[in-house]
């Protein structure tokens, strides 16, 4: 069943999970997913572009930075709760047991800006909160921003 565009949807409790190989060929798909997701949640214009750029910062470096080679896939989770959108990017590494383990150092990757603004600085400009840490044994970057119309 299709949802009509005119019917306002309650996006206060939505969850979407996407896992893709850590391969540059999939980056255009990640960009399209981010654009569709932020539009669905009601972000428009500069706010939507900034959020998409934040997701790109959290994923592109893994594909282009030499330290990103140890990661095998990216697991993105978009969820809304408490009037905020949380985008969690987990950086997965295949292990001998088939699970996830800490990789090459996502903190190092997002803090490497060469001569310009670092990816983490760009993410902080686009979102209310950025956290780098570990979730379920995998390195993780979490972006949190209020839903449109929220303080």
N, C-alpha and C. Protein backbone atom coordinates (compact mmCIF):
# COMPACT_ATOMS: atom_id res chain seq x y z
N UNK A 1 0.85 -1.16 0.00
CA UNK A 1 0.00 0.00 0.00
C UNK A 1 0.90 1.23 0.00
N UNK A 2 0.66 2.14 -0.91
CA UNK A 2 1.44 3.37 -1.00
C UNK A 2 0.84 4.43 -0.08
N UNK A 3 1.70 5.27 0.44
CA UNK A 3 1.26 6.36 1.29
C UNK A 3 1.20 7.62 0.45
N UNK A 4 0.08 8.27 0.45
CA UNK A 4 -0.07 9.50 -0.33
C UNK A 4 0.83 10.59 0.24
N UNK A 5 1.44 11.36 -0.65
CA UNK A 5 2.33 12.43 -0.23
C UNK A 5 1.61 13.50 0.59
N UNK A 6 0.31 13.68 0.37
CA UNK A 6 -0.42 14.74 1.05
C UNK A 6 -0.77 14.40 2.50
N UNK A 7 -0.73 13.13 2.85
CA UNK A 7 -1.12 12.71 4.19
C UNK A 7 0.07 12.89 5.12
N UNK A 8 -0.04 13.78 6.12
CA UNK A 8 1.08 13.94 7.04
C UNK A 8 1.29 12.67 7.86
N UNK A 9 2.53 12.24 7.94
CA UNK A 9 2.85 11.03 8.68
C UNK A 9 3.45 11.39 10.02
N UNK A 10 3.19 10.55 11.00
CA UNK A 10 3.80 10.74 12.31
C UNK A 10 5.19 10.11 12.26
N UNK A 11 6.22 10.94 12.28
CA UNK A 11 7.59 10.44 12.21
C UNK A 11 8.25 10.40 13.58
N UNK A 12 7.44 10.43 14.63
CA UNK A 12 7.99 10.50 15.98
C UNK A 12 8.60 9.18 16.45
N UNK A 13 8.31 8.07 15.78
CA UNK A 13 8.87 6.78 16.20
C UNK A 13 9.12 5.91 14.97
N UNK A 14 10.13 6.26 14.20
CA UNK A 14 10.48 5.54 12.99
C UNK A 14 11.88 4.98 13.14
N UNK A 15 12.13 3.80 12.57
CA UNK A 15 13.46 3.22 12.58
C UNK A 15 13.72 2.63 11.19
N UNK A 16 14.90 2.93 10.64
CA UNK A 16 15.30 2.40 9.35
C UNK A 16 16.76 1.96 9.45
N UNK A 17 17.04 0.73 9.04
CA UNK A 17 18.40 0.18 9.09
C UNK A 17 18.86 -0.17 7.68
N UNK A 18 20.09 0.20 7.36
CA UNK A 18 20.69 -0.10 6.07
C UNK A 18 22.13 -0.53 6.33
N UNK A 19 22.52 -1.66 5.76
CA UNK A 19 23.91 -2.10 5.84
C UNK A 19 24.41 -2.34 4.43
N UNK A 20 25.53 -1.69 4.11
CA UNK A 20 26.11 -1.81 2.77
C UNK A 20 27.60 -2.10 2.88
N UNK A 21 28.15 -2.76 1.86
CA UNK A 21 29.60 -2.98 1.87
C UNK A 21 30.35 -1.66 1.88
N UNK A 22 31.51 -1.69 2.48
CA UNK A 22 32.38 -0.51 2.54
C UNK A 22 33.13 -0.45 1.20
N UNK A 23 32.42 0.02 0.20
CA UNK A 23 32.92 0.04 -1.17
C UNK A 23 32.43 1.33 -1.82
N UNK A 24 33.32 2.04 -2.48
CA UNK A 24 32.98 3.33 -3.08
C UNK A 24 31.81 3.23 -4.05
N UNK A 25 31.60 2.08 -4.65
CA UNK A 25 30.47 1.93 -5.59
C UNK A 25 29.12 2.11 -4.90
N UNK A 26 29.07 1.93 -3.58
CA UNK A 26 27.81 2.06 -2.86
C UNK A 26 27.60 3.46 -2.29
N UNK A 27 28.59 4.34 -2.39
CA UNK A 27 28.44 5.66 -1.80
C UNK A 27 27.30 6.47 -2.42
N UNK A 28 27.10 6.43 -3.76
CA UNK A 28 25.93 7.14 -4.30
C UNK A 28 24.61 6.64 -3.70
N UNK A 29 24.54 5.35 -3.40
CA UNK A 29 23.33 4.82 -2.78
C UNK A 29 23.17 5.38 -1.36
N UNK A 30 24.27 5.46 -0.60
CA UNK A 30 24.21 6.05 0.74
C UNK A 30 23.73 7.49 0.67
N UNK A 31 24.20 8.24 -0.32
CA UNK A 31 23.79 9.64 -0.47
C UNK A 31 22.30 9.74 -0.78
N UNK A 32 21.80 8.86 -1.65
CA UNK A 32 20.37 8.88 -1.99
C UNK A 32 19.51 8.48 -0.80
N UNK A 33 19.96 7.49 -0.04
CA UNK A 33 19.22 7.07 1.14
C UNK A 33 19.15 8.22 2.14
N UNK A 34 20.28 8.90 2.37
CA UNK A 34 20.30 10.03 3.30
C UNK A 34 19.35 11.12 2.83
N UNK A 35 19.38 11.45 1.55
CA UNK A 35 18.52 12.52 1.02
C UNK A 35 17.04 12.16 1.18
N UNK A 36 16.68 10.93 0.86
CA UNK A 36 15.28 10.49 1.00
C UNK A 36 14.86 10.47 2.47
N UNK A 37 15.74 9.99 3.34
CA UNK A 37 15.39 9.90 4.75
C UNK A 37 15.18 11.28 5.36
N UNK A 38 16.10 12.21 5.13
CA UNK A 38 15.94 13.53 5.75
C UNK A 38 14.72 14.25 5.19
N UNK A 39 14.44 14.05 3.91
CA UNK A 39 13.23 14.65 3.33
C UNK A 39 11.98 14.04 3.96
N UNK A 40 11.98 12.73 4.15
CA UNK A 40 10.85 12.05 4.76
C UNK A 40 10.59 12.59 6.17
N UNK A 41 11.67 12.85 6.91
CA UNK A 41 11.52 13.33 8.28
C UNK A 41 11.18 14.82 8.33
N UNK A 42 11.09 15.48 7.17
CA UNK A 42 10.61 16.86 7.12
C UNK A 42 11.68 17.93 6.98
N UNK A 43 12.93 17.54 6.83
CA UNK A 43 14.00 18.54 6.66
C UNK A 43 13.98 19.02 5.21
N UNK A 44 14.20 20.32 5.03
CA UNK A 44 14.21 20.90 3.70
C UNK A 44 15.37 21.88 3.58
N UNK A 45 15.65 22.29 2.36
CA UNK A 45 16.62 23.34 2.09
C UNK A 45 17.98 23.10 2.70
N UNK A 46 18.52 24.16 3.29
CA UNK A 46 19.87 24.13 3.86
C UNK A 46 19.98 23.11 5.00
N UNK A 47 18.92 22.97 5.77
CA UNK A 47 18.93 22.02 6.88
C UNK A 47 19.08 20.58 6.36
N UNK A 48 18.34 20.26 5.29
CA UNK A 48 18.44 18.93 4.69
C UNK A 48 19.82 18.71 4.09
N UNK A 49 20.33 19.71 3.39
CA UNK A 49 21.66 19.61 2.77
C UNK A 49 22.74 19.41 3.82
N UNK A 50 22.63 20.12 4.94
CA UNK A 50 23.62 20.00 6.01
C UNK A 50 23.59 18.60 6.62
N UNK A 51 22.41 18.05 6.82
CA UNK A 51 22.31 16.69 7.38
C UNK A 51 22.89 15.65 6.42
N UNK A 52 22.59 15.80 5.13
CA UNK A 52 23.14 14.89 4.13
C UNK A 52 24.66 15.00 4.10
N UNK A 53 25.17 16.21 4.23
CA UNK A 53 26.62 16.42 4.26
C UNK A 53 27.23 15.77 5.50
N UNK A 54 26.53 15.83 6.63
CA UNK A 54 27.02 15.21 7.85
C UNK A 54 27.12 13.69 7.68
N UNK A 55 26.11 13.09 7.05
CA UNK A 55 26.15 11.65 6.80
C UNK A 55 27.30 11.33 5.84
N UNK A 56 27.49 12.17 4.84
CA UNK A 56 28.60 11.97 3.91
C UNK A 56 29.93 12.04 4.64
N UNK A 57 30.07 12.98 5.56
CA UNK A 57 31.31 13.09 6.34
C UNK A 57 31.55 11.84 7.18
N UNK A 58 30.48 11.25 7.67
CA UNK A 58 30.60 10.06 8.52
C UNK A 58 30.88 8.80 7.71
N UNK A 59 30.67 8.85 6.40
CA UNK A 59 30.86 7.64 5.59
C UNK A 59 31.97 7.77 4.54
N UNK A 60 32.11 8.94 3.93
CA UNK A 60 33.06 9.10 2.83
C UNK A 60 34.49 8.83 3.28
N UNK A 61 34.89 9.34 4.44
CA UNK A 61 36.25 9.16 4.90
C UNK A 61 36.65 7.70 5.02
N UNK A 62 35.70 6.87 5.38
CA UNK A 62 35.98 5.44 5.52
C UNK A 62 36.33 4.86 4.16
N UNK A 63 35.71 5.39 3.12
CA UNK A 63 35.95 4.88 1.77
C UNK A 63 37.22 5.45 1.16
N UNK A 64 37.64 6.64 1.59
CA UNK A 64 38.77 7.30 0.93
C UNK A 64 40.04 7.37 1.78
N UNK A 65 39.93 7.26 3.09
CA UNK A 65 41.08 7.38 3.99
C UNK A 65 41.83 6.04 4.04
N UNK A 66 43.17 6.07 4.03
CA UNK A 66 43.93 4.82 4.10
C UNK A 66 43.57 3.96 5.31
N UNK A 67 43.24 4.58 6.44
CA UNK A 67 42.88 3.82 7.64
C UNK A 67 41.51 3.15 7.52
N UNK A 68 40.73 3.51 6.51
CA UNK A 68 39.40 2.94 6.36
C UNK A 68 39.39 1.57 5.72
N UNK A 69 40.53 1.12 5.21
CA UNK A 69 40.59 -0.14 4.49
C UNK A 69 40.22 -1.35 5.35
N UNK A 70 40.34 -1.26 6.66
CA UNK A 70 40.03 -2.41 7.51
C UNK A 70 38.53 -2.63 7.70
N UNK A 71 37.71 -1.63 7.38
CA UNK A 71 36.27 -1.78 7.55
C UNK A 71 35.68 -2.50 6.34
N UNK A 72 34.75 -3.41 6.60
CA UNK A 72 34.16 -4.18 5.51
C UNK A 72 32.75 -3.72 5.15
N UNK A 73 32.03 -3.12 6.11
CA UNK A 73 30.68 -2.63 5.80
C UNK A 73 30.29 -1.50 6.74
N UNK A 74 29.30 -0.75 6.30
CA UNK A 74 28.74 0.36 7.06
C UNK A 74 27.30 0.02 7.40
N UNK A 75 26.93 0.13 8.66
CA UNK A 75 25.56 -0.11 9.08
C UNK A 75 24.98 1.22 9.56
N UNK A 76 24.00 1.74 8.83
CA UNK A 76 23.37 3.00 9.19
C UNK A 76 22.01 2.73 9.80
N UNK A 77 21.74 3.43 10.88
CA UNK A 77 20.45 3.33 11.55
C UNK A 77 19.90 4.74 11.71
N UNK A 78 18.74 4.98 11.12
CA UNK A 78 18.02 6.23 11.27
C UNK A 78 16.87 5.95 12.22
N UNK A 79 16.74 6.74 13.28
CA UNK A 79 15.60 6.54 14.18
C UNK A 79 15.16 7.88 14.76
N UNK A 80 13.88 7.97 15.01
CA UNK A 80 13.34 9.17 15.63
C UNK A 80 12.75 8.78 16.97
N UNK A 81 12.99 9.65 17.93
CA UNK A 81 12.40 9.48 19.27
C UNK A 81 12.65 10.76 20.04
N UNK A 82 11.76 11.08 20.92
CA UNK A 82 11.90 12.27 21.76
C UNK A 82 12.16 13.53 20.93
N UNK A 83 11.44 13.70 19.83
CA UNK A 83 11.53 14.89 18.98
C UNK A 83 12.90 15.10 18.35
N UNK A 84 13.69 14.03 18.19
CA UNK A 84 15.01 14.14 17.58
C UNK A 84 15.23 13.02 16.57
N UNK A 85 16.05 13.31 15.58
CA UNK A 85 16.51 12.29 14.63
C UNK A 85 17.91 11.89 15.06
N UNK A 86 18.11 10.58 15.19
CA UNK A 86 19.42 10.04 15.50
C UNK A 86 19.86 9.19 14.31
N UNK A 87 21.04 9.50 13.79
CA UNK A 87 21.63 8.72 12.71
C UNK A 87 22.89 8.08 13.28
N UNK A 88 22.89 6.77 13.32
CA UNK A 88 24.03 6.05 13.87
C UNK A 88 24.72 5.31 12.72
N UNK A 89 26.02 5.54 12.58
CA UNK A 89 26.82 4.85 11.57
C UNK A 89 27.78 3.93 12.30
N UNK A 90 27.63 2.62 12.06
CA UNK A 90 28.54 1.65 12.67
C UNK A 90 29.51 1.18 11.59
N UNK A 91 30.77 1.10 11.96
CA UNK A 91 31.85 0.72 11.04
C UNK A 91 32.23 -0.71 11.37
N UNK A 92 31.84 -1.64 10.50
CA UNK A 92 31.99 -3.05 10.80
C UNK A 92 33.24 -3.65 10.18
N UNK A 93 33.83 -4.59 10.89
CA UNK A 93 35.01 -5.32 10.45
C UNK A 93 34.67 -6.80 10.58
N UNK A 94 34.86 -7.55 9.53
CA UNK A 94 34.62 -8.99 9.61
C UNK A 94 35.68 -9.61 10.51
N UNK A 95 35.23 -10.49 11.39
CA UNK A 95 36.16 -11.21 12.26
C UNK A 95 36.03 -12.69 11.96
N UNK A 96 36.89 -13.47 12.51
CA UNK A 96 36.86 -14.91 12.26
C UNK A 96 35.57 -15.55 12.75
N UNK A 97 34.88 -14.89 13.70
CA UNK A 97 33.62 -15.43 14.21
C UNK A 97 32.42 -14.84 13.48
N UNK A 98 32.66 -13.99 12.48
CA UNK A 98 31.56 -13.42 11.72
C UNK A 98 30.93 -12.21 12.36
N UNK A 99 31.50 -11.69 13.44
CA UNK A 99 30.92 -10.55 14.14
C UNK A 99 31.57 -9.24 13.75
N UNK A 100 31.47 -8.28 14.62
CA UNK A 100 32.07 -6.98 14.39
C UNK A 100 33.14 -6.75 15.45
N UNK A 101 34.17 -6.01 15.07
CA UNK A 101 35.24 -5.67 16.01
C UNK A 101 35.74 -4.29 15.69
N UNK A 102 36.44 -3.70 16.64
CA UNK A 102 36.99 -2.36 16.42
C UNK A 102 37.92 -2.36 15.22
N UNK A 103 37.84 -1.34 14.42
CA UNK A 103 38.63 -1.24 13.19
C UNK A 103 39.85 -0.36 13.37
N UNK A 104 40.19 0.37 12.33
CA UNK A 104 41.44 1.12 12.27
C UNK A 104 41.42 2.40 13.08
N UNK A 105 40.29 2.89 13.46
CA UNK A 105 40.25 4.10 14.25
C UNK A 105 39.42 5.19 13.60
N UNK A 106 38.11 5.08 13.73
CA UNK A 106 37.22 6.05 13.10
C UNK A 106 37.47 7.44 13.67
N UNK A 107 37.86 7.53 14.92
CA UNK A 107 38.13 8.83 15.50
C UNK A 107 39.28 9.52 14.76
N UNK A 108 40.29 8.75 14.40
CA UNK A 108 41.40 9.30 13.64
C UNK A 108 40.94 9.75 12.25
N UNK A 109 40.09 8.97 11.62
CA UNK A 109 39.62 9.29 10.27
C UNK A 109 38.79 10.58 10.27
N UNK A 110 37.83 10.71 11.21
CA UNK A 110 36.96 11.90 11.19
C UNK A 110 37.66 13.15 11.71
N UNK A 111 38.83 12.98 12.34
CA UNK A 111 39.60 14.15 12.79
C UNK A 111 40.69 14.55 11.81
N UNK A 112 40.81 13.83 10.70
CA UNK A 112 41.83 14.12 9.70
C UNK A 112 41.21 15.00 8.62
N UNK A 113 41.53 16.28 8.66
CA UNK A 113 40.96 17.22 7.70
C UNK A 113 41.95 17.77 6.71
N UNK A 114 43.17 17.27 6.74
CA UNK A 114 44.16 17.82 5.84
C UNK A 114 44.34 19.30 6.13
N UNK A 115 44.14 20.14 5.12
CA UNK A 115 44.30 21.58 5.28
C UNK A 115 42.99 22.29 5.60
N UNK A 116 41.87 21.58 5.53
CA UNK A 116 40.58 22.25 5.70
C UNK A 116 39.88 21.86 6.98
N UNK A 117 38.56 21.98 6.95
CA UNK A 117 37.72 21.63 8.09
C UNK A 117 37.70 20.11 8.21
N UNK A 118 37.84 19.60 9.42
CA UNK A 118 37.80 18.15 9.62
C UNK A 118 36.38 17.64 9.45
N UNK A 119 36.21 16.37 9.09
CA UNK A 119 34.86 15.82 8.98
C UNK A 119 34.05 15.97 10.27
N UNK A 120 34.69 15.77 11.43
CA UNK A 120 33.93 15.88 12.68
C UNK A 120 33.48 17.32 12.92
N UNK A 121 34.31 18.30 12.52
CA UNK A 121 33.89 19.70 12.65
C UNK A 121 32.67 19.98 11.78
N UNK A 122 32.68 19.45 10.56
CA UNK A 122 31.54 19.64 9.65
C UNK A 122 30.29 18.98 10.21
N UNK A 123 30.43 17.79 10.80
CA UNK A 123 29.28 17.11 11.40
C UNK A 123 28.74 17.90 12.58
N UNK A 124 29.63 18.48 13.37
CA UNK A 124 29.19 19.28 14.53
C UNK A 124 28.46 20.54 14.10
N UNK A 125 28.83 21.11 12.95
CA UNK A 125 28.14 22.30 12.45
C UNK A 125 26.74 21.96 11.95
N UNK A 126 26.53 20.73 11.51
CA UNK A 126 25.26 20.34 10.90
C UNK A 126 24.27 19.71 11.88
N UNK A 127 24.76 19.26 13.04
CA UNK A 127 23.89 18.54 13.97
C UNK A 127 24.03 19.12 15.38
N UNK A 128 23.10 18.76 16.23
CA UNK A 128 23.13 19.24 17.61
C UNK A 128 24.18 18.50 18.44
N UNK A 129 24.43 17.23 18.10
CA UNK A 129 25.36 16.44 18.89
C UNK A 129 26.03 15.38 18.01
N UNK A 130 27.32 15.18 18.21
CA UNK A 130 28.08 14.13 17.53
C UNK A 130 28.80 13.32 18.60
N UNK A 131 28.68 12.02 18.51
CA UNK A 131 29.36 11.14 19.46
C UNK A 131 30.15 10.10 18.69
N UNK A 132 31.39 9.89 19.10
CA UNK A 132 32.22 8.82 18.54
C UNK A 132 32.45 7.83 19.67
N UNK A 133 32.20 6.56 19.40
CA UNK A 133 32.37 5.57 20.44
C UNK A 133 32.28 4.17 19.89
N UNK A 134 31.76 3.28 20.72
CA UNK A 134 31.62 1.88 20.33
C UNK A 134 30.23 1.40 20.71
N UNK A 135 29.61 0.66 19.79
CA UNK A 135 28.28 0.08 20.02
C UNK A 135 28.33 -1.37 19.55
N UNK A 136 27.97 -2.28 20.42
CA UNK A 136 27.95 -3.71 20.10
C UNK A 136 29.27 -4.18 19.50
N UNK A 137 30.39 -3.70 20.03
CA UNK A 137 31.70 -4.14 19.60
C UNK A 137 32.21 -3.51 18.32
N UNK A 138 31.48 -2.55 17.78
CA UNK A 138 31.91 -1.88 16.55
C UNK A 138 32.05 -0.38 16.81
N UNK A 139 33.02 0.23 16.14
CA UNK A 139 33.16 1.68 16.24
C UNK A 139 31.91 2.32 15.66
N UNK A 140 31.57 3.50 16.17
CA UNK A 140 30.30 4.11 15.82
C UNK A 140 30.40 5.63 15.85
N UNK A 141 29.69 6.27 14.93
CA UNK A 141 29.51 7.72 14.93
C UNK A 141 28.01 7.96 15.01
N UNK A 142 27.60 8.73 16.00
CA UNK A 142 26.17 9.01 16.19
C UNK A 142 25.93 10.50 16.01
N UNK A 143 24.98 10.84 15.14
CA UNK A 143 24.59 12.22 14.86
C UNK A 143 23.17 12.41 15.39
N UNK A 144 22.95 13.46 16.16
CA UNK A 144 21.63 13.72 16.72
C UNK A 144 21.25 15.16 16.40
N UNK A 145 20.03 15.35 15.93
CA UNK A 145 19.53 16.70 15.65
C UNK A 145 18.03 16.73 15.89
N UNK A 146 17.50 17.89 16.33
CA UNK A 146 16.06 17.97 16.56
C UNK A 146 15.28 17.77 15.24
N UNK A 147 14.12 17.17 15.35
CA UNK A 147 13.24 17.07 14.19
C UNK A 147 12.76 18.47 13.81
N UNK A 148 12.43 18.69 12.55
CA UNK A 148 11.95 20.02 12.14
C UNK A 148 10.79 20.47 13.02
N UNK A 149 10.84 21.75 13.37
CA UNK A 149 9.80 22.33 14.22
C UNK A 149 10.04 22.13 15.70
N UNK A 150 11.14 21.48 16.06
CA UNK A 150 11.47 21.27 17.47
C UNK A 150 12.58 22.24 17.88
N UNK A 151 12.62 22.64 19.14
CA UNK A 151 13.69 23.55 19.57
C UNK A 151 15.05 22.90 19.59
